[in-house]
Amino acid sequence: MTTFNGLLSIALFSVAMSGTPGPNNLMLTASGARYGYLRTLPHIAGILGGCVVLFMAIALGLGAVFERYESVQWVLRLAGSAYLLYLAWRIATAPPPNLDTTHSARPLNAWEAAAFQFANPKAWIMGLTLTASFLPAEGSLMVNALLLALLMEAVAFPCVSFWALFGRTLGARLRSPRSWRVFNALMGALTAACVVLIFSD
């Protein structure tokens, strides 16, 4: 993992996995559009921190449990689907910012975003592939897992930030309540469609 080619391979894997569309990036786009980049930073921090914890847990044995017991997989799939649909509903039904008089809407906080990673199928695929492909066999398992997860998420930070900034750019161009409702409905529908990924295999 310490060679240049090894580090480059991990970085490219991180860009490919964290920079492509998925539940996290769709929610970050919606959050960036509505709340801006700065208020979306706790959501981003939660994603990165949650993935670090998940990847370490997978490397330390949770991945073997997940792959061995199908019942665990189904519990995670159902929990992930339910939570994802709830978040999709929140996005789709959010009123336009200029019509939100209740002030109840808020971006996802760090704890919520971190917890979601344990039910996010894409995060599990990332973690299982990362540990199987790049975790060194020599040295301390704990240290290697931590360094690998931190490297993965250091590269992921600008990738997921791009989606929040992309959302902020889109939000600046949504000037009417109707355009906001269409945008929210579309982002909610795309987020809900990610449930298909959970049951695709």
C-alpha atoms as a PDB file:
ATOM      1  CA  MET A   1       0.000   0.000   0.000  1.00  0.00           C
ATOM      2  CA  THR A   2       3.030   2.259   0.510  1.00  0.00           C
ATOM      3  CA  THR A   3       4.247   2.054  -3.082  1.00  0.00           C
ATOM      4  CA  PHE A   4       3.318   4.772  -5.549  1.00  0.00           C
ATOM      5  CA  ASN A   5       1.411   2.316  -7.734  1.00  0.00           C
ATOM      6  CA  GLY A   6      -0.471   1.020  -4.705  1.00  0.00           C
ATOM      7  CA  LEU A   7      -1.448   4.493  -3.550  1.00  0.00           C
ATOM      8  CA  LEU A   8      -2.458   5.471  -7.076  1.00  0.00           C
ATOM      9  CA  SER A   9      -4.634   2.365  -7.388  1.00  0.00           C
ATOM     10  CA  ILE A  10      -6.418   3.160  -4.127  1.00  0.00           C
ATOM     11  CA  ALA A  11      -6.901   6.796  -5.163  1.00  0.00           C
ATOM     12  CA  LEU A  12      -8.355   5.828  -8.537  1.00  0.00           C
ATOM     13  CA  PHE A  13     -10.654   3.301  -6.862  1.00  0.00           C
ATOM     14  CA  SER A  14     -11.838   5.987  -4.452  1.00  0.00           C
ATOM     15  CA  VAL A  15     -12.537   8.461  -7.263  1.00  0.00           C
ATOM     16  CA  ALA A  16     -14.439   5.849  -9.247  1.00  0.00           C
ATOM     17  CA  MET A  17     -16.587   4.784  -6.293  1.00  0.00           C
ATOM     18  CA  SER A  18     -17.154   8.058  -4.454  1.00  0.00           C
ATOM     19  CA  GLY A  19     -17.398  10.308  -7.496  1.00  0.00           C
ATOM     20  CA  THR A  20     -20.132   8.404  -9.321  1.00  0.00           C
ATOM     21  CA  PRO A  21     -23.889   8.758  -8.705  1.00  0.00           C
ATOM     22  CA  GLY A  22     -25.348   6.951  -5.726  1.00  0.00           C
ATOM     23  CA  PRO A  23     -27.551   7.627  -2.681  1.00  0.00           C
ATOM     24  CA  ASN A  24     -24.976   9.831  -0.932  1.00  0.00           C
ATOM     25  CA  ASN A  25     -24.220  11.998  -3.947  1.00  0.00           C
ATOM     26  CA  LEU A  26     -27.860  12.440  -4.898  1.00  0.00           C
ATOM     27  CA  MET A  27     -28.681  13.573  -1.364  1.00  0.00           C
ATOM     28  CA  LEU A  28     -25.668  15.898  -1.351  1.00  0.00           C
ATOM     29  CA  THR A  29     -26.831  17.460  -4.619  1.00  0.00           C
ATOM     30  CA  ALA A  30     -30.271  18.099  -3.145  1.00  0.00           C
ATOM     31  CA  SER A  31     -28.769  19.456   0.078  1.00  0.00           C
ATOM     32  CA  GLY A  32     -26.311  21.697  -1.753  1.00  0.00           C
ATOM     33  CA  ALA A  33     -29.116  23.135  -3.855  1.00  0.00           C
ATOM     34  CA  ARG A  34     -31.314  23.913  -0.879  1.00  0.00           C
ATOM     35  CA  TYR A  35     -28.860  24.786   1.902  1.00  0.00           C
ATOM     36  CA  GLY A  36     -25.581  25.625   0.150  1.00  0.00           C
ATOM     37  CA  TYR A  37     -22.187  24.019   0.550  1.00  0.00           C
ATOM     38  CA  LEU A  38     -21.297  25.221   4.054  1.00  0.00           C
ATOM     39  CA  ARG A  39     -24.501  23.960   5.653  1.00  0.00           C
ATOM     40  CA  THR A  40     -24.020  20.656   3.818  1.00  0.00           C
ATOM     41  CA  LEU A  41     -20.520  20.149   5.283  1.00  0.00           C
ATOM     42  CA  PRO A  42     -21.806  18.216   8.355  1.00  0.00           C
ATOM     43  CA  HIS A  43     -23.567  15.834   5.945  1.00  0.00           C
ATOM     44  CA  ILE A  44     -20.285  15.389   4.054  1.00  0.00           C
ATOM     45  CA  ALA A  45     -18.360  14.864   7.310  1.00  0.00           C
ATOM     46  CA  GLY A  46     -20.877  12.231   8.373  1.00  0.00           C
ATOM     47  CA  ILE A  47     -20.475  10.339   5.110  1.00  0.00           C
ATOM     48  CA  LEU A  48     -16.686  10.343   5.368  1.00  0.00           C
ATOM     49  CA  GLY A  49     -16.591   9.471   9.063  1.00  0.00           C
ATOM     50  CA  GLY A  50     -19.239   6.786   8.729  1.00  0.00           C
ATOM     51  CA  CYS A  51     -17.349   5.178   5.856  1.00  0.00           C
ATOM     52  CA  VAL A  52     -14.103   5.141   7.847  1.00  0.00           C
ATOM     53  CA  VAL A  53     -15.830   3.325  10.709  1.00  0.00           C
ATOM     54  CA  LEU A  54     -17.634   0.947   8.332  1.00  0.00           C
ATOM     55  CA  PHE A  55     -14.493   0.102   6.354  1.00  0.00           C
ATOM     56  CA  MET A  56     -12.547  -0.598   9.547  1.00  0.00           C
ATOM     57  CA  ALA A  57     -15.356  -2.776  10.863  1.00  0.00           C
ATOM     58  CA  ILE A  58     -15.407  -4.733   7.607  1.00  0.00           C
ATOM     59  CA  ALA A  59     -11.643  -5.231   7.737  1.00  0.00           C
ATOM     60  CA  LEU A  60     -11.809  -6.374  11.372  1.00  0.00           C
ATOM     61  CA  GLY A  61     -14.402  -9.073  10.710  1.00  0.00           C
ATOM     62  CA  LEU A  62     -17.801  -7.545   9.998  1.00  0.00           C
ATOM     63  CA  GLY A  63     -17.322  -8.190   6.281  1.00  0.00           C
ATOM     64  CA  ALA A  64     -16.968 -11.926   6.888  1.00  0.00           C
ATOM     65  CA  VAL A  65     -20.162 -11.942   8.971  1.00  0.00           C
ATOM     66  CA  PHE A  66     -21.998 -10.018   6.273  1.00  0.00           C
ATOM     67  CA  GLU A  67     -20.899 -12.397   3.515  1.00  0.00           C
ATOM     68  CA  ARG A  68     -21.546 -15.558   5.541  1.00  0.00           C
ATOM     69  CA  TYR A  69     -25.011 -14.871   6.950  1.00  0.00           C
ATOM     70  CA  GLU A  70     -27.710 -14.048   4.423  1.00  0.00           C
ATOM     71  CA  SER A  71     -30.106 -12.991   7.180  1.00  0.00           C
ATOM     72  CA  VAL A  72     -27.767 -10.128   8.113  1.00  0.00           C
ATOM     73  CA  GLN A  73     -27.715  -9.016   4.499  1.00  0.00           C
ATOM     74  CA  TRP A  74     -31.513  -8.952   4.349  1.00  0.00           C
ATOM     75  CA  VAL A  75     -31.833  -6.982   7.589  1.00  0.00           C
ATOM     76  CA  LEU A  76     -29.436  -4.365   6.228  1.00  0.00           C
ATOM     77  CA  ARG A  77     -31.228  -4.292   2.886  1.00  0.00           C
ATOM     78  CA  LEU A  78     -34.612  -3.741   4.495  1.00  0.00           C
ATOM     79  CA  ALA A  79     -33.296  -1.125   6.924  1.00  0.00           C
ATOM     80  CA  GLY A  80     -31.428   0.647   4.150  1.00  0.00           C
ATOM     81  CA  SER A  81     -34.446   0.620   1.864  1.00  0.00           C
ATOM     82  CA  ALA A  82     -36.765   1.990   4.547  1.00  0.00           C
ATOM     83  CA  TYR A  83     -34.406   4.789   5.526  1.00  0.00           C
ATOM     84  CA  LEU A  84     -33.599   5.652   1.928  1.00  0.00           C
ATOM     85  CA  LEU A  85     -37.294   5.908   1.065  1.00  0.00           C
ATOM     86  CA  TYR A  86     -37.831   8.144   4.097  1.00  0.00           C
ATOM     87  CA  LEU A  87     -35.013  10.437   2.991  1.00  0.00           C
ATOM     88  CA  ALA A  88     -36.353  10.430  -0.573  1.00  0.00           C
ATOM     89  CA  TRP A  89     -39.769  11.472   0.747  1.00  0.00           C
ATOM     90  CA  ARG A  90     -38.169  14.291   2.765  1.00  0.00           C
ATOM     91  CA  ILE A  91     -36.399  15.560  -0.348  1.00  0.00           C
ATOM     92  CA  ALA A  92     -39.400  15.232  -2.665  1.00  0.00           C
ATOM     93  CA  THR A  93     -41.879  16.947  -0.330  1.00  0.00           C
ATOM     94  CA  ALA A  94     -39.643  19.801   0.840  1.00  0.00           C
ATOM     95  CA  PRO A  95     -41.235  23.147   0.022  1.00  0.00           C
ATOM     96  CA  PRO A  96     -39.352  25.733  -2.031  1.00  0.00           C
ATOM     97  CA  PRO A  97     -36.938  27.625   0.272  1.00  0.00           C
ATOM     98  CA  ASN A  98     -38.751  30.922  -0.205  1.00  0.00           C
ATOM     99  CA  LEU A  99     -42.047  29.293   0.819  1.00  0.00           C
ATOM    100  CA  ASP A 100     -40.712  27.382   3.832  1.00  0.00           C
ATOM    101  CA  THR A 101     -42.292  29.374   6.643  1.00  0.00           C
ATOM    102  CA  THR A 102     -42.048  26.604   9.249  1.00  0.00           C
ATOM    103  CA  HIS A 103     -38.217  26.664   9.366  1.00  0.00           C
ATOM    104  CA  SER A 104     -38.384  22.939  10.137  1.00  0.00           C
ATOM    105  CA  ALA A 105     -36.378  21.820   7.125  1.00  0.00           C
ATOM    106  CA  ARG A 106     -32.710  21.181   7.783  1.00  0.00           C
ATOM    107  CA  PRO A 107     -29.829  19.353   6.119  1.00  0.00           C
ATOM    108  CA  LEU A 108     -28.877  15.877   7.275  1.00  0.00           C
ATOM    109  CA  ASN A 109     -26.562  16.112  10.265  1.00  0.00           C
ATOM    110  CA  ALA A 110     -23.259  14.260  10.668  1.00  0.00           C
ATOM    111  CA  TRP A 111     -24.663  11.492  12.893  1.00  0.00           C
ATOM    112  CA  GLU A 112     -27.550  10.747  10.547  1.00  0.00           C
ATOM    113  CA  ALA A 113     -25.261  10.660   7.508  1.00  0.00           C
ATOM    114  CA  ALA A 114     -22.741   8.438   9.316  1.00  0.00           C
ATOM    115  CA  ALA A 115     -25.411   5.970  10.452  1.00  0.00           C
ATOM    116  CA  PHE A 116     -26.793   5.735   6.929  1.00  0.00           C
ATOM    117  CA  GLN A 117     -23.493   4.348   5.634  1.00  0.00           C
ATOM    118  CA  PHE A 118     -24.127   1.081   7.484  1.00  0.00           C
ATOM    119  CA  ALA A 119     -27.330   0.647   5.464  1.00  0.00           C
ATOM    120  CA  ASN A 120     -25.939   2.056   2.202  1.00  0.00           C
ATOM    121  CA  PRO A 121     -25.303  -0.767  -0.296  1.00  0.00           C
ATOM    122  CA  LYS A 122     -22.741   1.253  -2.228  1.00  0.00           C
ATOM    123  CA  ALA A 123     -20.726   1.890   0.942  1.00  0.00           C
ATOM    124  CA  TRP A 124     -20.708  -1.851   1.698  1.00  0.00           C
ATOM    125  CA  ILE A 125     -19.536  -2.660  -1.833  1.00  0.00           C
ATOM    126  CA  MET A 126     -16.786  -0.072  -1.488  1.00  0.00           C
ATOM    127  CA  GLY A 127     -15.678  -1.429   1.877  1.00  0.00           C
ATOM    128  CA  LEU A 128     -15.729  -5.098   0.873  1.00  0.00           C
ATOM    129  CA  THR A 129     -13.818  -4.424  -2.358  1.00  0.00           C
ATOM    130  CA  LEU A 130     -11.357  -2.094  -0.638  1.00  0.00           C
ATOM    131  CA  THR A 131     -10.376  -4.576   2.049  1.00  0.00           C
ATOM    132  CA  ALA A 132     -10.272  -7.541  -0.322  1.00  0.00           C
ATOM    133  CA  SER A 133      -8.134  -5.730  -2.898  1.00  0.00           C
ATOM    134  CA  PHE A 134      -5.899  -3.332  -0.987  1.00  0.00           C
ATOM    135  CA  LEU A 135      -5.585  -4.328   2.695  1.00  0.00           C
ATOM    136  CA  PRO A 136      -1.948  -5.393   3.318  1.00  0.00           C
ATOM    137  CA  ALA A 137      -1.369  -8.843   4.765  1.00  0.00           C
ATOM    138  CA  GLU A 138       1.656  -7.702   6.792  1.00  0.00           C
ATOM    139  CA  GLY A 139       1.644  -5.459   9.834  1.00  0.00           C
ATOM    140  CA  SER A 140      -1.055  -4.446  12.271  1.00  0.00           C
ATOM    141  CA  LEU A 141      -4.529  -5.136  10.944  1.00  0.00           C
ATOM    142  CA  MET A 142      -5.999  -2.241  12.946  1.00  0.00           C
ATOM    143  CA  VAL A 143      -3.400   0.270  11.753  1.00  0.00           C
ATOM    144  CA  ASN A 144      -3.556  -0.908   8.149  1.00  0.00           C
ATOM    145  CA  ALA A 145      -7.369  -0.757   8.131  1.00  0.00           C
ATOM    146  CA  LEU A 146      -7.364   2.749   9.611  1.00  0.00           C
ATOM    147  CA  LEU A 147      -4.766   4.091   7.182  1.00  0.00           C
ATOM    148  CA  LEU A 148      -6.525   2.505   4.215  1.00  0.00           C
ATOM    149  CA  ALA A 149      -9.909   3.936   5.232  1.00  0.00           C
ATOM    150  CA  LEU A 150      -8.448   7.403   5.878  1.00  0.00           C
ATOM    151  CA  LEU A 151      -6.697   7.426   2.506  1.00  0.00           C
ATOM    152  CA  MET A 152      -9.887   6.336   0.777  1.00  0.00           C
ATOM    153  CA  GLU A 153     -11.936   9.104   2.397  1.00  0.00           C
ATOM    154  CA  ALA A 154      -9.258  11.790   1.919  1.00  0.00           C
ATOM    155  CA  VAL A 155      -9.575  11.211  -1.828  1.00  0.00           C
ATOM    156  CA  ALA A 156     -13.371  10.953  -1.528  1.00  0.00           C
ATOM    157  CA  PHE A 157     -13.724  14.391   0.103  1.00  0.00           C
ATOM    158  CA  PRO A 158     -13.293  16.491  -3.070  1.00  0.00           C
ATOM    159  CA  CYS A 159     -15.389  13.979  -5.021  1.00  0.00           C
ATOM    160  CA  VAL A 160     -18.433  14.225  -2.775  1.00  0.00           C
ATOM    161  CA  SER A 161     -17.875  17.960  -2.336  1.00  0.00           C
ATOM    162  CA  PHE A 162     -18.260  18.310  -6.096  1.00  0.00           C
ATOM    163  CA  TRP A 163     -21.839  16.999  -5.859  1.00  0.00           C
ATOM    164  CA  ALA A 164     -22.759  19.437  -3.090  1.00  0.00           C
ATOM    165  CA  LEU A 165     -21.226  22.317  -5.059  1.00  0.00           C
ATOM    166  CA  PHE A 166     -23.003  21.110  -8.191  1.00  0.00           C
ATOM    167  CA  GLY A 167     -26.258  21.222  -6.240  1.00  0.00           C
ATOM    168  CA  ARG A 168     -25.510  24.740  -5.003  1.00  0.00           C
ATOM    169  CA  THR A 169     -24.977  25.839  -8.619  1.00  0.00           C
ATOM    170  CA  LEU A 170     -28.285  24.280  -9.641  1.00  0.00           C
ATOM    171  CA  GLY A 171     -30.075  25.846  -6.694  1.00  0.00           C
ATOM    172  CA  ALA A 172     -28.912  29.315  -7.724  1.00  0.00           C
ATOM    173  CA  ARG A 173     -30.712  28.822 -11.039  1.00  0.00           C
ATOM    174  CA  LEU A 174     -34.027  27.667  -9.561  1.00  0.00           C
ATOM    175  CA  ARG A 175     -35.885  30.964  -9.365  1.00  0.00           C
ATOM    176  CA  SER A 176     -39.531  29.940  -9.113  1.00  0.00           C
ATOM    177  CA  PRO A 177     -41.498  27.759  -6.677  1.00  0.00           C
ATOM    178  CA  ARG A 178     -42.500  25.504  -9.573  1.00  0.00           C
ATOM    179  CA  SER A 179     -38.909  24.879 -10.604  1.00  0.00           C
ATOM    180  CA  TRP A 180     -38.023  24.016  -6.993  1.00  0.00           C
ATOM    181  CA  ARG A 181     -40.913  21.572  -6.737  1.00  0.00           C
ATOM    182  CA  VAL A 182     -39.877  19.857  -9.978  1.00  0.00           C
ATOM    183  CA  PHE A 183     -36.255  19.695  -8.811  1.00  0.00           C
ATOM    184  CA  ASN A 184     -37.189  18.308  -5.382  1.00  0.00           C
ATOM    185  CA  ALA A 185     -39.515  15.730  -6.914  1.00  0.00           C
ATOM    186  CA  LEU A 186     -36.828  14.628  -9.379  1.00  0.00           C
ATOM    187  CA  MET A 187     -34.122  14.325  -6.707  1.00  0.00           C
ATOM    188  CA  GLY A 188     -36.519  12.460  -4.425  1.00  0.00           C
ATOM    189  CA  ALA A 189     -37.457  10.052  -7.211  1.00  0.00           C
ATOM    190  CA  LEU A 190     -33.803   9.409  -8.099  1.00  0.00           C
ATOM    191  CA  THR A 191     -32.952   8.808  -4.447  1.00  0.00           C
ATOM    192  CA  ALA A 192     -35.860   6.385  -4.097  1.00  0.00           C
ATOM    193  CA  ALA A 193     -34.765   4.614  -7.274  1.00  0.00           C
ATOM    194  CA  CYS A 194     -31.507   3.705  -5.516  1.00  0.00           C
ATOM    195  CA  VAL A 195     -33.540   1.104  -3.603  1.00  0.00           C
ATOM    196  CA  VAL A 196     -33.325  -0.981  -6.773  1.00  0.00           C
ATOM    197  CA  LEU A 197     -29.569  -1.239  -6.184  1.00  0.00           C
ATOM    198  CA  ILE A 198     -30.162  -2.801  -2.784  1.00  0.00           C
ATOM    199  CA  PHE A 199     -32.132  -5.719  -4.247  1.00  0.00           C
ATOM    200  CA  SER A 200     -30.332  -5.982  -7.564  1.00  0.00           C
ATOM    201  CA  ASP A 201     -28.224  -9.013  -6.653  1.00  0.00           C
END
